[in-house]
Amino acid sequence: MAEVDVDGTTGDGEIRDQLPDDLNAAEFVGPYVFPNNNRRRIAASLYVVIGAIFVVLWLIVDSPLVNAGFGVGGAALIAVGLYGMLAGWNLRYDENDALVAATRSVGFPIGHASAQLGWRGWLSRPTWRILVYSNEPQPERRGLVLVDGNDGSVLDAIVENNPEDWSQYD
């Protein structure tokens, strides 16, 4: 039986959060496909079209209901839409391609690795951040490699001896 508080609501002990089935990664089988950055262009196109409609309405309609706010709002939507078009880079290199580029740049065989997609600069250029460890039972080297998601070039590679002591995990 559910606990009921004095005010008639269900108690905290009965509230349960759970992920929807389509977001439950624990039961997912198969390769993960990272969403492409160029999906931004869909919304950006809508902003430009709606902004253009607002500007045209402001220019041709003579009504107290259509004022200068239509022109200003339409211009703002067009500006945001154009920025979205420029920032909607195509993600040509996935995390596997970035890992291959990272392997070439660090100079040691890679054991464990982790990839994260981030964006850099005003135009939000996609950039993979690859954290790599050398392939020994207790990794002796580690590195961080930045790989451009659009052209696959290695932007930066930082390699160092691993300062962590993993001897307790033998």
N, C-alpha and C. Protein backbone atom coordinates (compact mmCIF):
# COMPACT_ATOMS: atom_id res chain seq x y z
N MET A 1 0.85 -1.17 0.00
CA MET A 1 0.00 0.00 0.00
C MET A 1 0.89 1.23 0.00
N ALA A 2 0.53 2.23 -0.78
CA ALA A 2 1.32 3.45 -0.92
C ALA A 2 1.15 4.32 0.32
N GLU A 3 2.27 4.93 0.73
CA GLU A 3 2.22 5.86 1.84
C GLU A 3 1.54 7.14 1.37
N VAL A 4 0.65 7.69 2.19
CA VAL A 4 -0.03 8.93 1.84
C VAL A 4 0.28 9.95 2.92
N ASP A 5 0.78 11.11 2.50
CA ASP A 5 1.11 12.17 3.44
C ASP A 5 -0.16 12.83 3.94
N VAL A 6 0.01 13.72 4.92
CA VAL A 6 -1.12 14.41 5.54
C VAL A 6 -1.92 15.20 4.50
N ASP A 7 -1.23 15.76 3.50
CA ASP A 7 -1.93 16.57 2.49
C ASP A 7 -2.57 15.71 1.40
N GLY A 8 -2.49 14.38 1.50
CA GLY A 8 -3.15 13.49 0.55
C GLY A 8 -2.29 13.10 -0.64
N THR A 9 -1.01 13.49 -0.66
CA THR A 9 -0.15 13.13 -1.78
C THR A 9 0.60 11.85 -1.46
N THR A 10 1.15 11.24 -2.48
CA THR A 10 1.94 10.02 -2.31
C THR A 10 3.28 10.39 -1.69
N GLY A 11 3.77 9.55 -0.79
CA GLY A 11 5.04 9.80 -0.11
C GLY A 11 6.23 9.61 -1.04
N ASP A 12 7.40 10.13 -0.62
CA ASP A 12 8.62 10.04 -1.43
C ASP A 12 9.06 8.60 -1.66
N GLY A 13 8.72 7.70 -0.78
CA GLY A 13 9.14 6.31 -0.93
C GLY A 13 8.50 5.62 -2.12
N GLU A 14 7.43 6.18 -2.66
CA GLU A 14 6.71 5.56 -3.78
C GLU A 14 7.09 6.14 -5.14
N ILE A 15 7.91 7.18 -5.17
CA ILE A 15 8.26 7.80 -6.44
C ILE A 15 9.44 7.05 -7.03
N ARG A 16 9.28 6.56 -8.25
CA ARG A 16 10.34 5.81 -8.92
C ARG A 16 10.57 6.41 -10.30
N ASP A 17 11.83 6.73 -10.60
CA ASP A 17 12.18 7.21 -11.93
C ASP A 17 12.75 6.05 -12.72
N GLN A 18 12.41 5.98 -13.98
CA GLN A 18 13.03 4.99 -14.85
C GLN A 18 13.07 5.53 -16.26
N LEU A 19 14.07 5.06 -17.00
CA LEU A 19 14.24 5.49 -18.37
C LEU A 19 13.22 4.82 -19.27
N PRO A 20 12.80 5.52 -20.31
CA PRO A 20 11.96 4.85 -21.30
C PRO A 20 12.76 3.74 -21.99
N ASP A 21 12.07 2.77 -22.54
CA ASP A 21 12.74 1.62 -23.14
C ASP A 21 13.71 2.01 -24.24
N ASP A 22 13.39 3.02 -25.04
CA ASP A 22 14.27 3.38 -26.14
C ASP A 22 15.55 4.09 -25.68
N LEU A 23 15.63 4.52 -24.43
CA LEU A 23 16.84 5.16 -23.90
C LEU A 23 17.63 4.27 -22.96
N ASN A 24 17.18 3.04 -22.73
CA ASN A 24 17.86 2.14 -21.82
C ASN A 24 19.05 1.50 -22.52
N ALA A 25 20.25 2.01 -22.26
CA ALA A 25 21.46 1.52 -22.94
C ALA A 25 21.91 0.16 -22.41
N ALA A 26 21.45 -0.25 -21.25
CA ALA A 26 21.89 -1.52 -20.67
C ALA A 26 21.44 -2.71 -21.51
N GLU A 27 20.33 -2.57 -22.21
CA GLU A 27 19.81 -3.67 -23.01
C GLU A 27 20.04 -3.49 -24.50
N PHE A 28 20.84 -2.48 -24.88
CA PHE A 28 21.08 -2.20 -26.29
C PHE A 28 22.09 -3.19 -26.85
N VAL A 29 21.80 -3.72 -28.03
CA VAL A 29 22.70 -4.64 -28.71
C VAL A 29 22.99 -4.07 -30.09
N GLY A 30 24.27 -3.95 -30.44
CA GLY A 30 24.64 -3.47 -31.77
C GLY A 30 25.50 -2.24 -31.68
N PRO A 31 26.00 -1.80 -32.82
CA PRO A 31 26.87 -0.62 -32.83
C PRO A 31 26.07 0.66 -32.60
N TYR A 32 26.66 1.57 -31.86
CA TYR A 32 26.02 2.85 -31.60
C TYR A 32 26.37 3.80 -32.75
N VAL A 33 25.40 4.47 -33.29
CA VAL A 33 25.62 5.44 -34.36
C VAL A 33 25.44 6.83 -33.76
N PHE A 34 26.53 7.60 -33.76
CA PHE A 34 26.49 8.93 -33.19
C PHE A 34 25.73 9.86 -34.14
N PRO A 35 24.79 10.66 -33.62
CA PRO A 35 24.02 11.54 -34.51
C PRO A 35 24.91 12.57 -35.20
N ASN A 36 24.60 12.84 -36.45
CA ASN A 36 25.41 13.77 -37.24
C ASN A 36 25.04 15.20 -36.88
N ASN A 37 26.06 16.03 -36.84
CA ASN A 37 25.93 17.44 -36.50
C ASN A 37 25.13 18.23 -37.53
N ASN A 38 25.07 17.73 -38.76
CA ASN A 38 24.42 18.50 -39.81
C ASN A 38 22.90 18.53 -39.67
N ARG A 39 22.36 17.86 -38.66
CA ARG A 39 20.91 17.94 -38.40
C ARG A 39 20.52 19.34 -37.96
N ARG A 40 21.48 20.14 -37.51
CA ARG A 40 21.20 21.53 -37.12
C ARG A 40 20.65 22.32 -38.30
N ARG A 41 21.02 21.92 -39.50
CA ARG A 41 20.61 22.68 -40.69
C ARG A 41 19.11 22.61 -40.94
N ILE A 42 18.45 21.58 -40.45
CA ILE A 42 17.00 21.46 -40.63
C ILE A 42 16.29 22.59 -39.87
N ALA A 43 16.62 22.72 -38.59
CA ALA A 43 16.01 23.80 -37.79
C ALA A 43 16.44 25.16 -38.32
N ALA A 44 17.71 25.28 -38.73
CA ALA A 44 18.20 26.55 -39.25
C ALA A 44 17.43 26.97 -40.50
N SER A 45 17.12 26.03 -41.36
CA SER A 45 16.34 26.34 -42.57
C SER A 45 14.94 26.85 -42.20
N LEU A 46 14.34 26.21 -41.21
CA LEU A 46 13.02 26.67 -40.76
C LEU A 46 13.09 28.09 -40.19
N TYR A 47 14.14 28.40 -39.43
CA TYR A 47 14.30 29.74 -38.88
C TYR A 47 14.40 30.77 -40.01
N VAL A 48 15.19 30.47 -41.04
CA VAL A 48 15.36 31.41 -42.15
C VAL A 48 14.03 31.62 -42.88
N VAL A 49 13.32 30.54 -43.15
CA VAL A 49 12.05 30.65 -43.88
C VAL A 49 11.02 31.43 -43.06
N ILE A 50 10.87 31.09 -41.78
CA ILE A 50 9.89 31.79 -40.93
C ILE A 50 10.29 33.25 -40.76
N GLY A 51 11.59 33.51 -40.58
CA GLY A 51 12.06 34.89 -40.47
C GLY A 51 11.78 35.69 -41.73
N ALA A 52 11.98 35.07 -42.89
CA ALA A 52 11.70 35.75 -44.16
C ALA A 52 10.21 36.05 -44.29
N ILE A 53 9.37 35.13 -43.87
CA ILE A 53 7.92 35.37 -43.91
C ILE A 53 7.56 36.56 -43.03
N PHE A 54 8.15 36.64 -41.84
CA PHE A 54 7.87 37.77 -40.94
C PHE A 54 8.30 39.09 -41.57
N VAL A 55 9.48 39.12 -42.17
CA VAL A 55 9.98 40.36 -42.79
C VAL A 55 9.09 40.76 -43.95
N VAL A 56 8.71 39.80 -44.78
CA VAL A 56 7.83 40.10 -45.92
C VAL A 56 6.48 40.61 -45.43
N LEU A 57 5.92 39.99 -44.41
CA LEU A 57 4.65 40.47 -43.85
C LEU A 57 4.78 41.91 -43.36
N TRP A 58 5.87 42.21 -42.67
CA TRP A 58 6.09 43.56 -42.15
C TRP A 58 6.19 44.57 -43.28
N LEU A 59 6.80 44.16 -44.41
CA LEU A 59 6.97 45.08 -45.53
C LEU A 59 5.70 45.31 -46.33
N ILE A 60 4.85 44.29 -46.47
CA ILE A 60 3.72 44.43 -47.38
C ILE A 60 2.37 44.63 -46.70
N VAL A 61 2.24 44.29 -45.42
CA VAL A 61 0.94 44.40 -44.75
C VAL A 61 0.86 45.74 -44.02
N ASP A 62 -0.21 46.48 -44.29
CA ASP A 62 -0.43 47.76 -43.62
C ASP A 62 -1.55 47.56 -42.59
N SER A 63 -1.14 47.16 -41.38
CA SER A 63 -2.10 46.87 -40.34
C SER A 63 -1.47 47.18 -38.99
N PRO A 64 -2.28 47.62 -38.03
CA PRO A 64 -1.72 47.85 -36.69
C PRO A 64 -1.27 46.55 -36.02
N LEU A 65 -1.74 45.41 -36.50
CA LEU A 65 -1.33 44.13 -35.92
C LEU A 65 0.05 43.68 -36.39
N VAL A 66 0.49 44.21 -37.52
CA VAL A 66 1.81 43.86 -38.06
C VAL A 66 2.68 45.11 -37.93
N ASN A 67 3.52 45.14 -36.91
CA ASN A 67 4.33 46.32 -36.64
C ASN A 67 5.81 46.02 -36.86
N ALA A 68 6.66 46.92 -36.41
CA ALA A 68 8.12 46.77 -36.60
C ALA A 68 8.67 45.55 -35.88
N GLY A 69 7.96 45.05 -34.90
CA GLY A 69 8.41 43.83 -34.21
C GLY A 69 8.51 42.64 -35.15
N PHE A 70 7.64 42.60 -36.16
CA PHE A 70 7.73 41.54 -37.15
C PHE A 70 9.05 41.63 -37.91
N GLY A 71 9.44 42.84 -38.28
CA GLY A 71 10.70 43.02 -39.01
C GLY A 71 11.91 42.67 -38.16
N VAL A 72 11.91 43.15 -36.92
CA VAL A 72 13.04 42.88 -36.01
C VAL A 72 13.09 41.38 -35.67
N GLY A 73 11.94 40.81 -35.33
CA GLY A 73 11.91 39.37 -35.01
C GLY A 73 12.29 38.52 -36.21
N GLY A 74 11.81 38.89 -37.39
CA GLY A 74 12.16 38.15 -38.61
C GLY A 74 13.64 38.24 -38.91
N ALA A 75 14.21 39.43 -38.75
CA ALA A 75 15.65 39.59 -38.99
C ALA A 75 16.46 38.77 -37.99
N ALA A 76 16.02 38.74 -36.74
CA ALA A 76 16.72 37.94 -35.72
C ALA A 76 16.64 36.45 -36.06
N LEU A 77 15.47 36.00 -36.49
CA LEU A 77 15.33 34.58 -36.88
C LEU A 77 16.22 34.25 -38.07
N ILE A 78 16.30 35.15 -39.04
CA ILE A 78 17.17 34.92 -40.19
C ILE A 78 18.62 34.84 -39.75
N ALA A 79 19.05 35.74 -38.85
CA ALA A 79 20.44 35.72 -38.37
C ALA A 79 20.76 34.42 -37.63
N VAL A 80 19.85 33.98 -36.75
CA VAL A 80 20.07 32.73 -36.02
C VAL A 80 20.08 31.55 -36.99
N GLY A 81 19.21 31.58 -37.98
CA GLY A 81 19.16 30.51 -38.96
C GLY A 81 20.43 30.43 -39.80
N LEU A 82 20.95 31.58 -40.22
CA LEU A 82 22.19 31.58 -41.00
C LEU A 82 23.36 31.06 -40.17
N TYR A 83 23.40 31.45 -38.89
CA TYR A 83 24.45 30.91 -38.01
C TYR A 83 24.31 29.39 -37.89
N GLY A 84 23.08 28.90 -37.73
CA GLY A 84 22.87 27.46 -37.64
C GLY A 84 23.30 26.73 -38.89
N MET A 85 23.10 27.37 -40.06
CA MET A 85 23.55 26.76 -41.32
C MET A 85 25.08 26.63 -41.34
N LEU A 86 25.76 27.69 -40.88
CA LEU A 86 27.23 27.65 -40.86
C LEU A 86 27.76 26.66 -39.82
N ALA A 87 27.08 26.57 -38.67
CA ALA A 87 27.55 25.71 -37.58
C ALA A 87 27.12 24.26 -37.73
N GLY A 88 26.35 23.95 -38.75
CA GLY A 88 25.88 22.58 -38.96
C GLY A 88 26.87 21.76 -39.77
N TRP A 89 28.09 21.63 -39.27
CA TRP A 89 29.14 20.87 -39.97
C TRP A 89 28.71 19.41 -40.14
N ASN A 90 29.19 18.83 -41.21
CA ASN A 90 28.96 17.41 -41.44
C ASN A 90 30.01 16.62 -40.67
N LEU A 91 29.59 15.67 -39.86
CA LEU A 91 30.50 14.83 -39.09
C LEU A 91 30.95 13.67 -39.99
N ARG A 92 32.07 13.85 -40.67
CA ARG A 92 32.55 12.86 -41.65
C ARG A 92 33.33 11.73 -40.99
N TYR A 93 33.96 12.00 -39.86
CA TYR A 93 34.79 11.00 -39.19
C TYR A 93 34.13 10.60 -37.88
N ASP A 94 33.83 9.31 -37.75
CA ASP A 94 33.19 8.82 -36.52
C ASP A 94 34.26 8.50 -35.49
N GLU A 95 33.83 7.97 -34.34
CA GLU A 95 34.77 7.71 -33.24
C GLU A 95 35.80 6.64 -33.61
N ASN A 96 35.46 5.69 -34.48
CA ASN A 96 36.43 4.68 -34.90
C ASN A 96 37.53 5.29 -35.76
N ASP A 97 37.16 6.17 -36.68
CA ASP A 97 38.16 6.87 -37.50
C ASP A 97 39.05 7.74 -36.63
N ALA A 98 38.46 8.40 -35.64
CA ALA A 98 39.24 9.25 -34.74
C ALA A 98 40.20 8.42 -33.91
N LEU A 99 39.78 7.22 -33.50
CA LEU A 99 40.67 6.35 -32.73
C LEU A 99 41.86 5.89 -33.58
N VAL A 100 41.63 5.62 -34.85
CA VAL A 100 42.73 5.25 -35.75
C VAL A 100 43.72 6.40 -35.87
N ALA A 101 43.21 7.63 -36.04
CA ALA A 101 44.08 8.80 -36.13
C ALA A 101 44.85 9.00 -34.82
N ALA A 102 44.19 8.75 -33.69
CA ALA A 102 44.85 8.89 -32.39
C ALA A 102 45.95 7.85 -32.23
N THR A 103 45.71 6.63 -32.69
CA THR A 103 46.71 5.56 -32.60
C THR A 103 47.97 5.94 -33.37
N ARG A 104 47.80 6.53 -34.53
CA ARG A 104 48.95 6.94 -35.34
C ARG A 104 49.74 8.05 -34.67
N SER A 105 49.07 8.93 -33.94
CA SER A 105 49.75 10.11 -33.41
C SER A 105 50.43 9.91 -32.06
N VAL A 106 50.01 8.92 -31.25
CA VAL A 106 50.60 8.81 -29.91
C VAL A 106 51.89 8.00 -29.88
N GLY A 107 52.09 7.10 -30.83
CA GLY A 107 53.35 6.37 -30.90
C GLY A 107 53.45 5.16 -30.00
N PHE A 108 52.36 4.67 -29.47
CA PHE A 108 52.37 3.42 -28.70
C PHE A 108 51.08 2.67 -28.97
N PRO A 109 51.09 1.32 -28.79
CA PRO A 109 49.86 0.56 -28.99
C PRO A 109 48.82 0.93 -27.92
N ILE A 110 47.59 1.11 -28.35
CA ILE A 110 46.54 1.55 -27.44
C ILE A 110 45.79 0.37 -26.87
N GLY A 111 45.58 0.42 -25.56
CA GLY A 111 44.75 -0.57 -24.87
C GLY A 111 43.36 0.00 -24.70
N HIS A 112 43.12 0.61 -23.55
CA HIS A 112 41.82 1.22 -23.28
C HIS A 112 41.78 2.62 -23.88
N ALA A 113 40.58 2.99 -24.36
CA ALA A 113 40.40 4.32 -24.94
C ALA A 113 38.96 4.78 -24.71
N SER A 114 38.79 6.08 -24.73
CA SER A 114 37.46 6.66 -24.57
C SER A 114 37.35 7.84 -25.53
N ALA A 115 36.20 7.96 -26.20
CA ALA A 115 35.99 9.04 -27.16
C ALA A 115 34.82 9.91 -26.71
N GLN A 116 34.97 11.20 -26.90
CA GLN A 116 33.92 12.16 -26.59
C GLN A 116 33.89 13.19 -27.71
N LEU A 117 32.70 13.56 -28.14
CA LEU A 117 32.57 14.58 -29.18
C LEU A 117 32.28 15.92 -28.53
N GLY A 118 33.07 16.91 -28.92
CA GLY A 118 32.86 18.27 -28.45
C GLY A 118 32.89 19.20 -29.65
N TRP A 119 32.71 20.48 -29.41
CA TRP A 119 32.71 21.46 -30.48
C TRP A 119 33.65 22.57 -30.10
N ARG A 120 34.33 23.12 -31.11
CA ARG A 120 35.29 24.19 -30.83
C ARG A 120 35.04 25.38 -31.74
N GLY A 121 35.29 26.54 -31.20
CA GLY A 121 35.18 27.77 -31.96
C GLY A 121 33.76 28.28 -32.11
N TRP A 122 33.66 29.49 -32.68
CA TRP A 122 32.37 30.13 -32.89
C TRP A 122 31.50 29.37 -33.88
N LEU A 123 32.11 28.64 -34.78
CA LEU A 123 31.34 27.90 -35.77
C LEU A 123 31.09 26.46 -35.35
N SER A 124 31.38 26.12 -34.11
CA SER A 124 31.07 24.80 -33.54
C SER A 124 31.59 23.64 -34.39
N ARG A 125 32.85 23.67 -34.72
CA ARG A 125 33.43 22.60 -35.52
C ARG A 125 33.53 21.35 -34.65
N PRO A 126 33.00 20.20 -35.13
CA PRO A 126 33.04 18.98 -34.30
C PRO A 126 34.46 18.48 -34.10
N THR A 127 34.79 18.12 -32.86
CA THR A 127 36.13 17.67 -32.50
C THR A 127 36.03 16.48 -31.56
N TRP A 128 36.70 15.40 -31.93
CA TRP A 128 36.75 14.22 -31.07
C TRP A 128 37.86 14.40 -30.05
N ARG A 129 37.57 14.09 -28.80
CA ARG A 129 38.57 14.06 -27.73
C ARG A 129 38.77 12.60 -27.37
N ILE A 130 39.94 12.09 -27.65
CA ILE A 130 40.23 10.67 -27.44
C ILE A 130 41.23 10.54 -26.30
N LEU A 131 40.82 9.88 -25.23
CA LEU A 131 41.71 9.57 -24.10
C LEU A 131 42.19 8.14 -24.30
N VAL A 132 43.51 7.95 -24.35
CA VAL A 132 44.07 6.62 -24.63
C VAL A 132 45.06 6.21 -23.55
N TYR A 133 45.12 4.91 -23.32
CA TYR A 133 46.11 4.31 -22.43
C TYR A 133 46.89 3.26 -23.20
N SER A 134 48.15 3.07 -22.83
CA SER A 134 48.96 2.07 -23.52
C SER A 134 48.47 0.66 -23.18
N ASN A 135 48.90 -0.29 -24.00
CA ASN A 135 48.38 -1.65 -23.95
C ASN A 135 49.23 -2.55 -23.06
N GLU A 136 49.32 -2.26 -21.77
CA GLU A 136 49.97 -3.12 -20.79
C GLU A 136 48.97 -3.41 -19.68
N PRO A 137 49.20 -4.45 -18.88
CA PRO A 137 48.27 -4.70 -17.77
C PRO A 137 48.14 -3.48 -16.84
N GLN A 138 49.26 -2.81 -16.59
CA GLN A 138 49.26 -1.54 -15.87
C GLN A 138 49.79 -0.49 -16.85
N PRO A 139 48.92 0.27 -17.48
CA PRO A 139 49.36 1.19 -18.54
C PRO A 139 50.48 2.10 -18.09
N GLU A 140 51.55 2.12 -18.88
CA GLU A 140 52.71 2.96 -18.58
C GLU A 140 52.58 4.35 -19.18
N ARG A 141 51.81 4.49 -20.26
CA ARG A 141 51.66 5.77 -20.94
C ARG A 141 50.17 6.09 -21.13
N ARG A 142 49.89 7.36 -21.22
CA ARG A 142 48.53 7.80 -21.53
C ARG A 142 48.62 9.04 -22.41
N GLY A 143 47.52 9.32 -23.10
CA GLY A 143 47.52 10.46 -23.98
C GLY A 143 46.12 11.00 -24.21
N LEU A 144 46.07 12.25 -24.61
CA LEU A 144 44.83 12.91 -25.00
C LEU A 144 45.05 13.44 -26.40
N VAL A 145 44.18 13.03 -27.32
CA VAL A 145 44.32 13.42 -28.72
C VAL A 145 43.04 14.11 -29.17
N LEU A 146 43.18 15.26 -29.82
CA LEU A 146 42.06 15.99 -30.38
C LEU A 146 42.05 15.78 -31.89
N VAL A 147 40.95 15.26 -32.41
CA VAL A 147 40.84 14.94 -33.83
C VAL A 147 39.65 15.70 -34.40
N ASP A 148 39.88 16.40 -35.51
CA ASP A 148 38.81 17.14 -36.18
C ASP A 148 37.81 16.15 -36.76
N GLY A 149 36.52 16.33 -36.45
CA GLY A 149 35.48 15.43 -36.91
C GLY A 149 35.09 15.65 -38.35
N ASN A 150 35.53 16.76 -38.94
CA ASN A 150 35.18 17.06 -40.32
C ASN A 150 36.23 16.58 -41.31
N ASP A 151 37.52 16.79 -41.02
CA ASP A 151 38.56 16.38 -41.96
C ASP A 151 39.51 15.31 -41.42
N GLY A 152 39.36 14.90 -40.17
CA GLY A 152 40.16 13.80 -39.61
C GLY A 152 41.57 14.18 -39.22
N SER A 153 41.92 15.45 -39.27
CA SER A 153 43.28 15.85 -38.91
C SER A 153 43.44 15.85 -37.38
N VAL A 154 44.65 15.51 -36.94
CA VAL A 154 44.96 15.55 -35.51
C VAL A 154 45.33 16.98 -35.15
N LEU A 155 44.54 17.58 -34.27
CA LEU A 155 44.74 18.97 -33.87
C LEU A 155 45.80 19.10 -32.78
N ASP A 156 45.81 18.13 -31.87
CA ASP A 156 46.77 18.17 -30.77
C ASP A 156 46.87 16.77 -30.17
N ALA A 157 48.06 16.44 -29.70
CA ALA A 157 48.27 15.16 -29.02
C ALA A 157 49.18 15.41 -27.82
N ILE A 158 48.69 15.05 -26.66
CA ILE A 158 49.45 15.20 -25.42
C ILE A 158 49.70 13.80 -24.89
N VAL A 159 50.97 13.42 -24.78
CA VAL A 159 51.34 12.08 -24.33
C VAL A 159 52.26 12.24 -23.13
N GLU A 160 52.03 11.40 -22.11
CA GLU A 160 52.86 11.45 -20.91
C GLU A 160 52.93 10.07 -20.28
N ASN A 161 53.91 9.89 -19.39
CA ASN A 161 53.96 8.67 -18.59
C ASN A 161 52.76 8.69 -17.65
N ASN A 162 52.20 7.54 -17.42
CA ASN A 162 51.01 7.45 -16.59
C ASN A 162 51.40 7.63 -15.12
N PRO A 163 50.92 8.69 -14.46
CA PRO A 163 51.28 8.93 -13.05
C PRO A 163 50.44 8.11 -12.08
N GLU A 164 49.43 7.41 -12.57
CA GLU A 164 48.54 6.66 -11.69
C GLU A 164 49.19 5.35 -11.27
N ASP A 165 48.96 4.94 -10.02
CA ASP A 165 49.47 3.67 -9.54
C ASP A 165 48.32 2.65 -9.56
N TRP A 166 48.42 1.70 -10.47
CA TRP A 166 47.38 0.69 -10.61
C TRP A 166 47.82 -0.66 -10.08
N SER A 167 48.85 -0.69 -9.25
CA SER A 167 49.37 -1.98 -8.77
C SER A 167 48.37 -2.71 -7.88
N GLN A 168 47.45 -2.01 -7.28
CA GLN A 168 46.46 -2.68 -6.43
C GLN A 168 45.46 -3.50 -7.23
N TYR A 169 45.44 -3.33 -8.56
CA TYR A 169 44.50 -4.05 -9.41
C TYR A 169 45.08 -5.29 -10.09
N ASP A 170 46.27 -5.73 -9.64
CA ASP A 170 46.89 -6.94 -10.24
C ASP A 170 46.08 -8.18 -9.99
